[in-house]
Protein backbone atom coordinates (compact mmCIF):
# COMPACT_ATOMS: atom_id res chain seq x y z
CA MET A 1 0.07 0.14 -0.03
CA SER A 2 1.20 3.27 -0.96
CA ALA A 3 0.57 6.78 0.09
CA LYS A 4 0.66 9.97 -2.02
CA LEU A 5 1.77 13.05 -0.53
CA LYS A 6 0.34 16.45 -2.05
CA LEU A 7 3.23 19.18 -1.95
CA ASP A 8 2.88 22.62 -3.08
CA GLN A 9 4.79 23.67 -6.30
CA LEU A 10 8.51 24.82 -5.21
CA ARG A 11 9.36 28.11 -6.88
CA PHE A 12 12.38 29.98 -6.75
CA ASP A 13 14.30 32.95 -8.32
CA LEU A 14 18.17 33.30 -9.27
CA PRO A 15 19.38 36.95 -9.11
CA GLN A 16 20.61 38.43 -12.25
CA ALA A 17 24.03 39.23 -10.76
CA VAL A 18 24.54 35.67 -9.99
CA MET A 19 23.78 34.20 -13.26
CA ALA A 20 25.44 36.95 -15.25
CA PRO A 21 28.94 35.45 -15.27
CA TYR A 22 27.85 32.11 -16.33
CA ARG A 23 25.73 33.76 -19.38
CA ASP A 24 28.82 35.86 -20.36
CA LYS A 25 30.89 32.54 -20.50
CA LEU A 26 28.35 30.65 -22.25
CA GLU A 27 28.31 33.51 -25.11
CA VAL A 28 32.19 33.55 -25.30
CA ARG A 29 32.04 29.61 -25.84
CA THR A 30 29.54 30.01 -28.30
CA ARG A 31 31.40 32.51 -30.37
CA GLU A 32 34.64 30.49 -30.40
CA LEU A 33 32.65 27.44 -31.51
CA ASP A 34 31.39 29.64 -34.39
CA THR A 35 34.76 30.61 -35.32
CA LEU A 36 36.29 27.29 -35.27
CA ALA A 37 33.50 25.96 -37.56
CA ARG A 38 34.17 28.83 -39.94
CA LYS A 39 37.88 28.19 -39.93
CA SER A 40 37.29 24.39 -40.40
CA GLY A 41 35.08 25.30 -43.62
CA THR A 42 31.83 23.41 -42.53
CA GLY A 43 29.93 26.31 -41.00
CA SER A 44 29.85 28.53 -43.82
CA GLU A 45 27.34 29.04 -46.88
CA LYS A 46 29.75 27.93 -49.44
CA PHE A 47 30.44 24.74 -47.57
CA LYS A 48 26.81 23.88 -46.99
CA LYS A 49 26.09 24.21 -50.63
CA ALA A 50 29.32 22.01 -51.74
CA PHE A 51 27.77 19.55 -49.05
CA ALA A 52 24.45 19.46 -50.67
CA ARG A 53 26.08 19.26 -54.01
CA PHE A 54 27.92 16.18 -52.97
CA PHE A 55 25.06 14.27 -51.54
CA ALA A 56 22.90 15.29 -54.70
CA ALA A 57 25.78 13.58 -56.88
CA LEU A 58 25.67 10.65 -54.33
CA GLY A 59 22.06 9.93 -55.01
CA SER A 60 22.40 10.21 -58.78
CA ARG A 61 23.80 7.49 -61.15
CA GLY A 62 27.13 9.65 -61.95
CA HIS A 63 30.57 8.92 -60.70
CA ILE A 64 30.94 11.10 -57.56
CA ALA A 65 34.44 12.06 -58.96
CA ASP A 66 32.54 14.33 -61.27
CA ALA A 67 31.25 16.18 -58.35
CA ILE A 68 34.77 17.15 -56.86
CA THR A 69 35.98 20.20 -58.73
CA GLU A 70 37.68 22.25 -55.72
CA SER A 71 39.05 21.99 -52.12
CA ILE A 72 35.79 22.28 -50.62
CA ASP A 73 34.16 19.52 -52.37
CA ILE A 74 37.24 17.52 -50.98
CA ARG A 75 36.37 18.72 -47.59
CA ALA A 76 32.77 17.87 -48.07
CA LEU A 77 33.70 14.30 -49.05
CA ALA A 78 35.91 13.83 -45.86
CA ILE A 79 32.73 14.90 -43.39
CA ALA A 80 30.75 12.45 -45.92
CA LEU A 81 32.96 9.64 -44.88
CA LYS A 82 32.08 10.19 -41.50
CA THR A 83 28.24 9.94 -42.05
CA ARG A 84 26.14 6.87 -42.49
CA ASP A 85 26.02 7.45 -46.22
CA ALA A 86 29.50 6.59 -46.33
CA VAL A 87 28.54 3.34 -47.37
CA HIS A 88 27.18 4.54 -50.68
CA ILE A 89 30.56 6.43 -51.72
CA LYS A 90 32.61 4.70 -54.21
CA LEU A 91 36.09 4.92 -53.28
CA ASP A 92 38.28 3.88 -56.30
CA SER A 93 41.22 5.03 -58.62
CA ARG A 94 39.29 7.68 -60.77
CA LEU A 95 38.20 9.59 -57.35
CA LEU A 96 41.40 9.49 -55.64
CA GLU A 97 43.52 10.64 -58.78
CA LYS A 98 40.93 13.44 -58.71
CA VAL A 99 41.57 14.46 -55.31
CA ASP A 100 45.31 14.36 -55.75
CA ALA A 101 44.81 16.39 -58.70
CA ILE A 102 43.16 19.04 -56.92
CA LYS A 103 45.06 18.85 -53.61
CA PRO A 104 48.50 17.14 -53.81
CA ARG A 105 48.91 17.44 -49.97
CA PRO A 106 45.85 16.27 -48.53
CA GLY A 107 44.38 17.64 -45.26
CA SER A 108 44.77 15.92 -42.04
CA LEU A 109 40.84 15.84 -42.15
CA LEU A 110 40.43 13.89 -45.31
CA VAL A 111 43.18 11.49 -44.11
CA GLU A 112 41.70 10.31 -41.16
CA SER A 113 38.26 10.17 -42.61
CA LEU A 114 39.31 8.00 -45.31
CA TYR A 115 41.61 5.94 -42.79
CA SER A 116 38.99 5.66 -40.28
CA HIS A 117 36.42 4.42 -43.11
CA TYR A 118 39.11 1.99 -44.54
CA LEU A 119 39.25 0.34 -40.87
CA LYS A 120 35.65 0.44 -40.62
CA VAL A 121 34.60 -1.42 -43.78
CA TYR A 122 37.74 -2.94 -44.97
CA ASP A 123 37.07 -6.10 -47.42
CA GLU A 124 33.82 -4.56 -48.23
CA LEU A 125 35.63 -1.83 -50.03
CA GLU A 126 35.15 -2.41 -53.84
CA ASP A 127 38.72 -1.29 -54.64
CA LEU A 128 40.84 -2.20 -51.56
CA GLN A 129 44.29 -1.87 -53.30
CA SER A 130 43.50 1.44 -54.57
CA VAL A 131 42.43 2.83 -51.08
CA GLU A 132 45.59 1.45 -49.42
CA ALA A 133 47.88 2.67 -51.81
CA TRP A 134 46.38 6.32 -51.65
CA LEU A 135 46.59 6.12 -47.74
CA ARG A 136 50.32 5.36 -47.86
CA GLN A 137 51.19 7.77 -50.20
CA ALA A 138 48.90 10.60 -48.33
CA LYS A 139 50.55 9.56 -44.93
CA THR A 140 54.06 9.62 -46.10
CA ILE A 141 53.36 13.17 -47.64
CA ARG A 142 52.12 14.32 -44.45
CA GLY A 143 55.05 12.52 -42.56
CA GLU A 144 52.53 10.06 -40.98
CA LEU A 145 53.45 6.72 -42.15
CA ASP A 146 55.16 4.88 -39.28
CA GLU A 147 56.35 1.31 -39.56
CA ASN A 148 53.03 -0.07 -37.80
CA THR A 149 50.61 2.00 -40.07
CA ALA A 150 52.59 0.84 -43.30
CA ARG A 151 52.11 -2.97 -42.29
CA ILE A 152 48.29 -2.10 -41.56
CA LEU A 153 48.21 -0.89 -45.23
CA SER A 154 50.44 -3.55 -46.76
CA GLY A 155 47.61 -5.46 -48.44
CA ALA A 156 47.53 -8.31 -45.56
CA GLY A 157 47.28 -5.91 -42.47
CA PRO A 158 44.96 -8.51 -40.37
CA LYS A 159 47.29 -11.29 -40.84
CA TRP A 160 50.28 -9.16 -40.16
CA LEU A 161 48.62 -7.98 -37.01
CA VAL A 162 47.83 -11.75 -35.67
CA GLU A 163 51.40 -12.89 -36.48
CA SER A 164 53.04 -9.83 -34.86
CA SER A 165 50.93 -10.66 -31.46
CA HIS A 166 52.31 -14.24 -31.59
CA GLU A 167 55.75 -12.97 -32.43
CA GLN A 168 55.77 -10.57 -29.49
CA GLN A 169 53.88 -12.98 -27.23
CA VAL A 170 51.20 -10.68 -26.31
CA ASP A 171 47.75 -10.76 -26.19
CA PHE A 172 45.69 -9.94 -29.66
CA ASP A 173 44.12 -7.05 -27.61
CA VAL A 174 47.28 -5.80 -26.25
CA GLN A 175 48.76 -5.61 -29.82
CA VAL A 176 45.70 -3.82 -31.20
CA SER A 177 46.48 -0.90 -28.88
CA ARG A 178 50.01 -1.12 -29.37
CA VAL A 179 49.88 -0.68 -33.22
CA GLY A 180 47.49 2.18 -32.86
CA LEU A 181 44.23 0.66 -33.42
CA GLY A 182 42.71 0.86 -30.22
CA SER A 183 40.33 3.69 -31.14
CA TYR A 184 39.00 1.68 -34.08
CA LEU A 185 37.57 -1.50 -32.37
CA SER A 186 34.39 -1.55 -34.42
CA GLY A 187 35.31 -2.27 -37.92
CA ARG A 188 35.81 -5.01 -40.39
CA PHE A 189 39.77 -4.73 -40.52
CA LEU A 190 39.70 -5.85 -36.75
CA ALA A 191 37.03 -8.45 -37.03
CA THR A 192 38.77 -9.87 -40.00
CA ALA A 193 42.14 -10.11 -37.96
CA LYS A 194 40.06 -11.63 -34.81
CA ASN A 195 38.96 -14.15 -37.65
CA ILE A 196 42.43 -14.87 -38.80
CA TYR A 197 43.20 -15.25 -34.78
CA TYR A 198 40.99 -18.39 -34.96
CA LEU A 199 43.20 -19.97 -37.49
CA GLU A 200 45.93 -20.51 -34.91
CA THR A 201 43.63 -22.08 -32.48
CA LEU A 202 42.62 -24.38 -35.44
CA ARG A 203 46.48 -25.43 -36.15
CA THR A 204 46.85 -26.42 -32.45
CA LEU A 205 43.81 -28.75 -32.50
CA ARG A 206 44.44 -32.48 -32.58
CA PRO A 207 43.10 -34.39 -35.47
CA GLY A 208 39.58 -34.87 -34.64
CA GLU A 209 39.34 -32.78 -31.56
CA ASN A 210 36.02 -30.89 -30.59
CA HIS A 211 36.34 -27.32 -29.83
CA ASN A 212 34.07 -24.33 -29.65
CA ILE A 213 36.15 -22.68 -32.67
CA LEU A 214 34.64 -25.12 -34.96
CA HIS A 215 31.33 -23.31 -34.42
CA GLU A 216 32.46 -19.90 -34.79
CA VAL A 217 34.11 -20.67 -38.22
CA GLN A 218 30.89 -21.93 -39.86
CA LYS A 219 29.57 -18.35 -39.45
CA PRO A 220 29.54 -16.80 -42.77
CA GLU A 221 30.85 -13.58 -41.67
CA VAL A 222 33.69 -15.40 -40.56
CA TYR A 223 34.78 -17.69 -43.45
CA SER A 224 34.10 -15.10 -46.12
CA SER A 225 36.05 -12.64 -44.78
CA LEU A 226 39.40 -11.71 -46.45
CA TYR A 227 42.79 -13.59 -45.43
CA GLU A 228 45.59 -12.59 -47.76
CA ASN A 229 46.43 -11.95 -51.66
CA GLY A 230 42.40 -12.03 -52.49
CA THR A 231 42.02 -15.33 -50.76
CA LEU A 232 39.23 -15.59 -47.99
CA LEU A 233 39.72 -17.03 -44.48
CA GLY A 234 37.27 -19.90 -45.39
CA HIS A 235 40.12 -21.20 -47.78
CA GLU A 236 42.64 -21.40 -45.20
CA ILE A 237 40.23 -23.04 -42.92
CA LEU A 238 39.49 -25.87 -45.20
CA LYS A 239 43.03 -26.66 -45.95
CA ILE A 240 43.98 -26.90 -42.11
CA LEU A 241 41.13 -29.39 -41.63
CA ILE A 242 41.45 -31.35 -44.57
CA SER A 243 45.25 -31.55 -44.31
CA ARG A 244 45.01 -32.59 -40.29
CA ALA A 245 42.35 -35.30 -40.72
CA ASP A 246 43.13 -38.88 -41.43
CA VAL A 247 42.86 -39.88 -45.03
CA SER A 248 40.37 -42.71 -44.13
CA GLN A 249 37.91 -41.04 -42.21
CA ILE A 250 37.11 -37.52 -40.73
CA PRO A 251 35.09 -37.05 -37.39
CA GLU A 252 31.42 -35.70 -38.31
CA HIS A 253 31.81 -32.29 -36.49
CA TRP A 254 34.99 -31.41 -38.64
CA MET A 255 33.08 -32.47 -41.92
CA ASN A 256 30.18 -30.18 -41.02
CA VAL A 257 32.60 -27.24 -40.97
CA ILE A 258 33.76 -28.25 -44.56
CA MET A 259 30.24 -28.71 -45.96
CA ALA A 260 29.08 -25.27 -44.27
CA ILE A 261 31.75 -23.49 -45.81
CA ALA A 262 32.33 -25.06 -49.19
CA GLY A 263 29.57 -27.72 -50.08
CA ASP A 264 30.34 -30.96 -51.75
CA PRO A 265 33.28 -30.58 -54.45
CA ARG A 266 31.39 -33.36 -56.42
CA VAL A 267 29.56 -30.69 -58.56
CA SER A 268 30.29 -28.88 -62.10
CA ARG A 269 33.54 -27.20 -61.81
CA GLN A 270 31.88 -24.16 -63.24
CA SER A 271 29.45 -23.61 -60.41
CA GLU A 272 29.46 -20.56 -58.41
CA ARG A 273 30.38 -22.36 -55.05
CA PHE A 274 33.01 -24.71 -56.86
CA VAL A 275 34.77 -21.72 -58.34
CA ARG A 276 34.65 -19.64 -55.14
CA TRP A 277 35.91 -22.38 -52.69
CA TRP A 278 37.21 -25.62 -54.34
CA SER A 279 39.25 -24.04 -57.09
CA HIS A 280 41.43 -22.52 -54.61
CA ILE A 281 42.06 -25.99 -53.09
CA PRO A 282 44.96 -28.41 -53.85
CA GLU A 283 43.59 -31.48 -55.80
CA GLU A 284 44.90 -33.87 -53.64
CA LEU A 285 43.05 -32.47 -50.56
CA ILE A 286 39.69 -32.49 -52.83
CA ALA A 287 40.52 -36.05 -53.49
CA LYS A 288 40.39 -36.62 -49.49
CA VAL A 289 37.07 -34.70 -49.27
CA ARG A 290 35.51 -37.05 -52.06
CA GLY A 291 36.66 -40.12 -50.32
CA TRP A 292 35.10 -38.99 -47.04
CA LEU A 293 31.84 -38.03 -48.80
CA SER A 294 31.32 -41.22 -50.55
CA LYS A 295 31.31 -42.85 -47.03
CA LEU A 296 28.53 -39.96 -46.08
CA ASP A 297 26.58 -40.91 -49.31
CA LEU A 298 26.53 -44.48 -48.45
CA LYS A 299 25.52 -43.86 -44.83
CA LEU A 300 22.65 -41.65 -46.03
CA PHE A 301 21.59 -43.98 -48.52
CA LEU A 302 21.24 -46.98 -46.16
CA GLU A 303 19.71 -44.52 -43.42
CA ALA A 304 17.16 -43.54 -46.08
CA LEU A 305 16.66 -47.34 -46.73
CA LYS A 306 16.46 -48.47 -43.18
CA ASN A 307 14.01 -45.49 -42.43
CA PHE A 308 11.62 -46.81 -45.25
CA ALA A 309 12.05 -50.73 -43.97
CA ASP A 310 11.29 -49.39 -40.20
CA GLU A 311 8.22 -47.77 -41.65
CA ALA A 312 7.36 -50.88 -43.52
CA LYS A 313 4.14 -52.27 -41.87
CA GLN A 314 4.70 -55.73 -42.70
CA LYS A 315 8.15 -56.60 -40.88
CA THR A 316 8.58 -59.67 -43.06
CA SER A 317 8.59 -57.30 -46.31
CA ASP A 318 11.43 -57.75 -48.76
CA ILE A 319 12.80 -54.43 -47.87
CA THR A 320 13.05 -54.96 -44.41
CA ARG A 321 14.63 -58.66 -45.04
CA MET A 322 17.22 -56.92 -47.46
CA TYR A 323 18.44 -54.00 -45.46
CA PRO A 324 21.10 -55.80 -43.21
CA GLU A 325 22.20 -57.66 -46.30
CA ARG A 326 22.82 -54.59 -48.30
CA LYS A 327 24.35 -52.64 -45.42
CA ARG A 328 26.85 -55.47 -44.80
CA PHE A 329 27.90 -55.56 -48.70
CA LEU A 330 28.24 -51.75 -49.25
CA GLU A 331 30.20 -51.24 -45.90
CA GLY A 332 32.25 -54.04 -46.63
CA LEU A 333 33.40 -52.23 -49.96
CA LEU A 334 33.96 -49.25 -47.80
CA ASP A 335 35.92 -51.08 -45.26
CA GLN A 336 38.35 -52.65 -48.13
CA GLN A 337 38.72 -48.87 -49.25
CA LEU A 338 37.58 -49.92 -52.85
CA VAL A 339 35.08 -47.19 -53.12
CA THR A 340 36.75 -44.46 -55.34
CA GLY A 341 33.75 -42.50 -55.82
CA THR A 342 29.87 -41.88 -55.33
CA ARG A 343 26.72 -39.97 -56.21
CA LEU A 344 23.36 -39.96 -54.70
CA PHE A 345 19.90 -39.90 -55.97
CA LEU A 346 17.28 -39.56 -53.69
CA SER A 347 13.71 -39.88 -53.92
CA LYS A 348 11.86 -36.77 -52.68
CA SER A 349 10.64 -38.74 -49.45
CA ALA A 350 14.25 -39.75 -48.57
CA ARG A 351 15.34 -36.15 -49.25
CA ASP A 352 12.69 -34.98 -46.85
CA TYR A 353 13.51 -37.56 -44.06
CA LEU A 354 17.29 -36.47 -44.25
CA LYS A 355 16.40 -32.87 -44.18
CA ARG A 356 14.28 -33.51 -40.91
CA HIS A 357 17.62 -35.09 -39.36
CA TYR A 358 20.51 -33.14 -40.80
CA LYS A 359 21.20 -29.23 -41.32
CA LYS A 360 20.97 -28.53 -44.91
CA GLU A 361 24.44 -27.13 -44.86
CA HIS A 362 25.84 -30.33 -43.50
CA LEU A 363 24.35 -32.67 -46.29
CA PRO A 364 26.43 -33.76 -49.19
CA SER A 365 25.24 -32.97 -52.90
CA PHE A 366 22.60 -35.02 -54.06
CA SER A 367 19.77 -35.03 -56.90
CA LEU A 368 16.73 -36.10 -57.20
CA VAL A 369 14.77 -39.18 -58.75
CA ASP A 370 11.18 -39.56 -59.26
CA GLY A 371 9.17 -42.15 -57.78
CA ASP A 372 9.94 -43.45 -54.09
CA LYS A 373 13.00 -45.50 -54.91
CA SER A 374 16.57 -43.69 -54.05
CA ILE A 375 19.84 -44.67 -55.84
CA VAL A 376 23.30 -44.60 -55.37
CA TYR A 377 26.16 -44.62 -57.92
CA ILE A 378 29.19 -46.18 -57.00
CA SER A 379 32.79 -46.11 -58.62
CA LEU A 380 35.28 -49.15 -57.82
CA PRO A 381 38.83 -49.84 -59.35
CA GLY A 382 37.72 -51.83 -62.59
CA ALA A 383 34.10 -51.45 -62.15
CA HIS A 384 30.99 -49.18 -61.65
CA VAL A 385 27.78 -50.11 -59.72
CA VAL A 386 24.16 -48.86 -59.50
CA GLU A 387 22.39 -49.84 -56.51
CA GLY A 388 18.78 -48.83 -55.41
CA THR A 389 16.22 -49.22 -52.49
CA HIS A 390 13.19 -51.49 -53.03
CA VAL A 391 13.52 -53.62 -55.91
CA CYS A 392 16.02 -51.75 -57.90
CA LYS A 393 18.45 -54.39 -59.50
CA PHE A 394 22.11 -54.33 -58.74
CA TRP A 395 23.68 -53.17 -61.77
CA ILE A 396 27.27 -53.63 -62.51
CA TYR A 397 29.26 -52.07 -65.38
CA LYS A 398 32.81 -52.96 -66.38
CA LYS A 399 32.95 -49.22 -68.30
CA LEU A 400 30.76 -46.15 -68.19
CA SER A 401 31.47 -43.54 -71.00
CA ASP A 402 32.09 -40.10 -70.05
CA ALA A 403 28.56 -39.10 -71.43
CA ALA A 404 26.99 -41.54 -68.98
CA VAL A 405 24.03 -39.75 -67.09
CA VAL A 406 25.40 -40.61 -63.47
CA PHE A 407 28.13 -38.23 -64.66
CA ASN A 408 26.08 -35.45 -65.93
CA TYR A 409 26.53 -32.78 -62.92
CA ASN A 410 24.80 -29.92 -64.63
CA LYS A 411 21.41 -32.08 -64.44
CA THR A 412 19.94 -32.20 -60.88
CA GLU A 413 16.53 -34.33 -61.33
CA PHE A 414 16.39 -37.46 -63.18
CA LEU A 415 14.04 -40.33 -64.02
CA TYR A 416 14.37 -43.71 -62.23
CA SER A 417 14.71 -45.30 -65.73
CA GLU A 418 17.58 -42.99 -66.55
CA LEU A 419 19.74 -44.53 -63.92
CA THR A 420 18.97 -48.08 -64.55
CA SER A 421 17.66 -49.53 -67.48
CA GLY A 422 18.15 -46.22 -69.77
CA MET A 423 21.54 -46.00 -69.08
CA ASN A 424 22.33 -49.72 -69.82
CA MET A 425 20.66 -48.81 -73.42
CA ASN A 426 22.72 -45.88 -73.87
CA MET A 427 25.75 -47.71 -73.26
CA ILE A 428 25.01 -50.14 -75.84
CA ARG A 429 23.95 -47.39 -78.38
CA GLN A 430 27.35 -45.83 -77.80
CA LYS A 431 29.04 -49.13 -78.28
CA VAL A 432 30.65 -48.76 -74.83
CA GLY A 433 28.87 -52.30 -73.99
CA PRO A 434 26.17 -53.45 -71.75
CA CYS A 435 26.12 -53.84 -68.28
CA GLN A 436 27.99 -56.85 -67.03
CA ALA A 437 25.26 -58.03 -64.56
CA ALA A 438 22.06 -56.72 -63.53
CA ILE A 439 21.12 -58.86 -60.54
CA VAL A 440 17.68 -58.84 -58.79
CA HIS A 441 17.74 -58.76 -54.94
CA ARG A 442 16.44 -62.30 -54.46
CA LYS A 443 18.00 -64.85 -52.10
CA GLU A 444 21.74 -65.31 -52.26
CA TRP A 445 21.92 -62.19 -54.65
CA GLU A 446 25.07 -61.04 -53.00
CA ILE A 447 26.96 -64.27 -53.80
CA LYS A 448 26.17 -63.49 -57.24
CA ALA A 449 27.12 -59.73 -57.04
CA ALA A 450 30.54 -61.04 -55.41
CA TYR A 451 31.33 -63.06 -57.87
CA GLU A 452 30.36 -60.72 -60.89
CA LEU A 453 32.65 -58.13 -59.13
CA ARG A 454 35.44 -60.49 -58.87
CA ASN A 455 34.80 -61.11 -62.74
CA ALA A 456 34.90 -57.66 -63.40
CA GLU A 457 38.58 -57.98 -61.66
CA VAL A 458 37.51 -55.94 -58.55
CA GLU A 459 40.02 -57.10 -55.92
CA VAL A 460 37.16 -57.55 -53.38
CA ASP A 461 37.27 -60.00 -50.45
CA ALA A 462 34.18 -61.72 -50.43
CA GLU A 463 34.25 -62.58 -46.75
CA ALA A 464 33.99 -58.97 -45.86
CA ILE A 465 30.83 -58.35 -47.73
CA LEU A 466 28.94 -61.93 -47.27
CA SER A 467 27.54 -63.45 -44.41
CA LYS A 468 29.07 -66.53 -42.73
CA GLU A 469 26.54 -68.80 -44.49
CA TYR A 470 26.69 -67.09 -47.99
CA TYR A 471 30.76 -67.24 -47.59
CA LYS A 472 30.58 -70.68 -47.09
CA LYS A 473 28.23 -70.98 -50.35
CA TYR A 474 30.67 -68.91 -52.15
CA LYS A 475 33.90 -70.86 -51.61
CA ASN A 476 31.71 -74.15 -52.31
CA LEU A 477 30.63 -72.99 -55.47
CA GLY A 478 34.52 -72.49 -56.52
CA TYR A 479 34.45 -68.59 -56.81
CA LEU A 480 37.62 -68.09 -54.64
């Protein structure tokens, strides 16, 4: 419970004699401020008109350099770089050459404004090299280019900042202040440097080790930041993780980072994502990723198959019975390191199932196939296999032409028949030859498949892909 007190309004008067000295001081300071504004050129009517012309030009489609004709226009540019509209100012060689032509010795206001803007937006600048070159020259002319600033403007400033903090064995934040960047903490330059600092942590991780840094580097603003010589931080992250991981396997949390940054390299080399990321990665590292993804493809294919089997109402159905057999057979090929490549073709229902259980960015590249059957293409030394869910046959080819549909990465949706009987007919028409075998998934199909793979000169260990019962029959049939 609260009570309200009613108070009379308090009134008081200050004698004129008491306030007069403060009023006089305020008037003096106001006049001083007006004088400073006039001296800086920003309080005059001439500057206001120049400033208005500058922003009018900024809003038009013309080049901003055309709006700069005299020194006061350069001052308008310097002030504009400190406003929220600075992001719309195109700083390029044409504009900077125009500035130099009007004022060969740049003023401190412009140099500081441009340097501050550079540190704020850094890798978002359209012509980063021209801005850095101009700042180096301008600071040299003014006698302000010390060693640290020269390294900051060297083209690889963030990387140098990180390396210098390690060399001098000081914390990153301490080094930031030492090199004169303590007043520019909220900009892309230092954000990029901080991102590069993450690389040092990645390099110290044991192969497969989990660490919070793995979540940080999956953020687009981190892996898309500039590293050095036009490369991105993501390129270096990829190289570190791929190089350090075992060639035969990679932990899921490491693979997730690779997929989130660059996606699947088994796509068209002309695709935007391949050009941006994988074209900068050595081929031997890409080959490692393809090997890991082949295992992931088979894992996801079997998972989609198992999901369908689990949802089957009749647990005695063929699909339920055949799941363990196919799992043992395919994983046996993987365990023997015979799988050199794969490609996944999912039904829409299988796609929807996987998307419910995995993040989109962590899934490998896959194509869609009509109907309810999913298919996986498997490359082996000396043979090619097309395997599917449900009652799809186990297709074995000794050879495939480069025009085989499973190699068409420009196409992402297929008919089931294109990948099965249709591909067989195309190989016949192209005079490559028909499939070596098209094995129906009936009892003992694995024995026939193992035999046909050996017949195709695939060095397969049948014991690793067959049950004990079937392996015994395989030996009794004289297939060893």
